[in-house]
Amino acid sequence: MLWLKIKIAGEQPMSKTYEQIRNGTIEEGTDVYNKGGILITKTALRGGTGYQINYGERDRYIQVLKKDMNNLMKAMQTAMKS
């Protein structure tokens, strides 16, 4: 379910902000998901476009490159099943 929401939010028609992020000309992020204490922001990272996933009460987060998101989602699904 999380995958679907990220895909829908992240694959919208290109906007000026999206083009700026894709081209690396913007430092800020765009919030693509914000529910249940989880905030996902699409942003420019050192290795390219990626996502910052914020969660918890103490501002904990991870940053994942867009190219690594599928691996992260598969790992999360595997962990949830164990």
C-alpha atoms as a PDB file:
ATOM      1  CA  MET A   1       0.000   0.000   0.000  1.00  0.00           C
ATOM      2  CA  LEU A   2       2.816   2.442   0.810  1.00  0.00           C
ATOM      3  CA  TRP A   3       4.388   1.661  -2.564  1.00  0.00           C
ATOM      4  CA  LEU A   4       1.228   2.657  -4.389  1.00  0.00           C
ATOM      5  CA  LYS A   5       1.004   5.968  -2.589  1.00  0.00           C
ATOM      6  CA  ILE A   6       4.646   6.812  -3.291  1.00  0.00           C
ATOM      7  CA  LYS A   7       4.324   5.846  -6.932  1.00  0.00           C
ATOM      8  CA  ILE A   8       1.170   7.896  -7.419  1.00  0.00           C
ATOM      9  CA  ALA A   9       2.585  10.914  -5.624  1.00  0.00           C
ATOM     10  CA  GLY A  10       6.011  10.652  -7.242  1.00  0.00           C
ATOM     11  CA  GLU A  11       4.896  10.087 -10.829  1.00  0.00           C
ATOM     12  CA  GLN A  12       2.736  13.129 -11.347  1.00  0.00           C
ATOM     13  CA  PRO A  13       3.124  15.148 -14.552  1.00  0.00           C
ATOM     14  CA  MET A  14       6.335  17.137 -14.556  1.00  0.00           C
ATOM     15  CA  SER A  15       6.094  20.472 -12.862  1.00  0.00           C
ATOM     16  CA  LYS A  16       8.662  23.223 -12.579  1.00  0.00           C
ATOM     17  CA  THR A  17       9.643  22.017  -9.115  1.00  0.00           C
ATOM     18  CA  TYR A  18      10.003  18.404 -10.284  1.00  0.00           C
ATOM     19  CA  GLU A  19      12.226  19.484 -13.172  1.00  0.00           C
ATOM     20  CA  GLN A  20      14.363  21.524 -10.780  1.00  0.00           C
ATOM     21  CA  ILE A  21      14.776  18.533  -8.458  1.00  0.00           C
ATOM     22  CA  ARG A  22      15.517  16.196 -11.362  1.00  0.00           C
ATOM     23  CA  ASN A  23      18.118  18.588 -12.754  1.00  0.00           C
ATOM     24  CA  GLY A  24      19.667  19.139  -9.331  1.00  0.00           C
ATOM     25  CA  THR A  25      18.969  22.869  -9.312  1.00  0.00           C
ATOM     26  CA  ILE A  26      16.866  22.876  -6.161  1.00  0.00           C
ATOM     27  CA  GLU A  27      17.946  22.181  -2.595  1.00  0.00           C
ATOM     28  CA  GLU A  28      14.477  21.933  -1.066  1.00  0.00           C
ATOM     29  CA  GLY A  29      12.132  18.993  -1.097  1.00  0.00           C
ATOM     30  CA  THR A  30       8.538  18.360  -2.030  1.00  0.00           C
ATOM     31  CA  ASP A  31       6.312  16.487   0.414  1.00  0.00           C
ATOM     32  CA  VAL A  32       4.707  13.526  -1.353  1.00  0.00           C
ATOM     33  CA  TYR A  33       3.137  11.697   1.625  1.00  0.00           C
ATOM     34  CA  ASN A  34       2.118  12.813   5.113  1.00  0.00           C
ATOM     35  CA  LYS A  35      -0.067  10.474   7.180  1.00  0.00           C
ATOM     36  CA  GLY A  36       0.099   8.582  10.451  1.00  0.00           C
ATOM     37  CA  GLY A  37       3.296  10.211  11.670  1.00  0.00           C
ATOM     38  CA  ILE A  38       5.207   9.419   8.470  1.00  0.00           C
ATOM     39  CA  LEU A  39       6.347  12.206   6.169  1.00  0.00           C
ATOM     40  CA  ILE A  40       8.003  11.351   2.843  1.00  0.00           C
ATOM     41  CA  THR A  41       9.770  14.146   1.018  1.00  0.00           C
ATOM     42  CA  LYS A  42      11.179  13.929  -2.493  1.00  0.00           C
ATOM     43  CA  THR A  43      14.437  15.821  -2.542  1.00  0.00           C
ATOM     44  CA  ALA A  44      17.842  16.215  -4.145  1.00  0.00           C
ATOM     45  CA  LEU A  45      20.404  13.977  -2.454  1.00  0.00           C
ATOM     46  CA  ARG A  46      24.134  13.622  -2.983  1.00  0.00           C
ATOM     47  CA  GLY A  47      23.744  10.719  -5.445  1.00  0.00           C
ATOM     48  CA  GLY A  48      20.698  12.119  -7.277  1.00  0.00           C
ATOM     49  CA  THR A  49      16.983  12.428  -6.638  1.00  0.00           C
ATOM     50  CA  GLY A  50      15.706  10.542  -3.628  1.00  0.00           C
ATOM     51  CA  TYR A  51      13.354  10.438  -0.688  1.00  0.00           C
ATOM     52  CA  GLN A  52      13.697  11.398   2.936  1.00  0.00           C
ATOM     53  CA  ILE A  53      11.389   9.330   5.144  1.00  0.00           C
ATOM     54  CA  ASN A  54      10.687  11.052   8.480  1.00  0.00           C
ATOM     55  CA  TYR A  55       9.061   9.106  11.312  1.00  0.00           C
ATOM     56  CA  GLY A  56       8.754   8.971  15.080  1.00  0.00           C
ATOM     57  CA  GLU A  57       8.654  11.584  17.770  1.00  0.00           C
ATOM     58  CA  ARG A  58      12.352  12.459  17.743  1.00  0.00           C
ATOM     59  CA  ASP A  59      12.679  13.533  14.116  1.00  0.00           C
ATOM     60  CA  ARG A  60      14.195  10.259  12.972  1.00  0.00           C
ATOM     61  CA  TYR A  61      14.663   9.824   9.264  1.00  0.00           C
ATOM     62  CA  ILE A  62      16.373   7.869   6.527  1.00  0.00           C
ATOM     63  CA  GLN A  63      17.377   9.062   3.090  1.00  0.00           C
ATOM     64  CA  VAL A  64      17.080   6.723   0.118  1.00  0.00           C
ATOM     65  CA  LEU A  65      17.979   7.343  -3.498  1.00  0.00           C
ATOM     66  CA  LYS A  66      15.131   6.859  -5.945  1.00  0.00           C
ATOM     67  CA  LYS A  67      17.028   4.012  -7.622  1.00  0.00           C
ATOM     68  CA  ASP A  68      17.161   2.136  -4.282  1.00  0.00           C
ATOM     69  CA  MET A  69      13.501   2.534  -3.275  1.00  0.00           C
ATOM     70  CA  ASN A  70      12.344  -0.792  -4.758  1.00  0.00           C
ATOM     71  CA  ASN A  71      15.021  -2.651  -2.799  1.00  0.00           C
ATOM     72  CA  LEU A  72      14.002  -0.848   0.401  1.00  0.00           C
ATOM     73  CA  MET A  73      10.322  -1.671  -0.109  1.00  0.00           C
ATOM     74  CA  LYS A  74      11.098  -5.351  -0.751  1.00  0.00           C
ATOM     75  CA  ALA A  75      13.268  -5.443   2.372  1.00  0.00           C
ATOM     76  CA  MET A  76      10.496  -3.839   4.439  1.00  0.00           C
ATOM     77  CA  GLN A  77       7.919  -6.339   3.167  1.00  0.00           C
ATOM     78  CA  THR A  78      10.259  -9.241   3.968  1.00  0.00           C
ATOM     79  CA  ALA A  79      10.913  -7.866   7.455  1.00  0.00           C
ATOM     80  CA  MET A  80       7.175  -7.482   8.111  1.00  0.00           C
ATOM     81  CA  LYS A  81       6.576 -11.141   7.177  1.00  0.00           C
ATOM     82  CA  SER A  82       9.251 -12.508   9.516  1.00  0.00           C
END
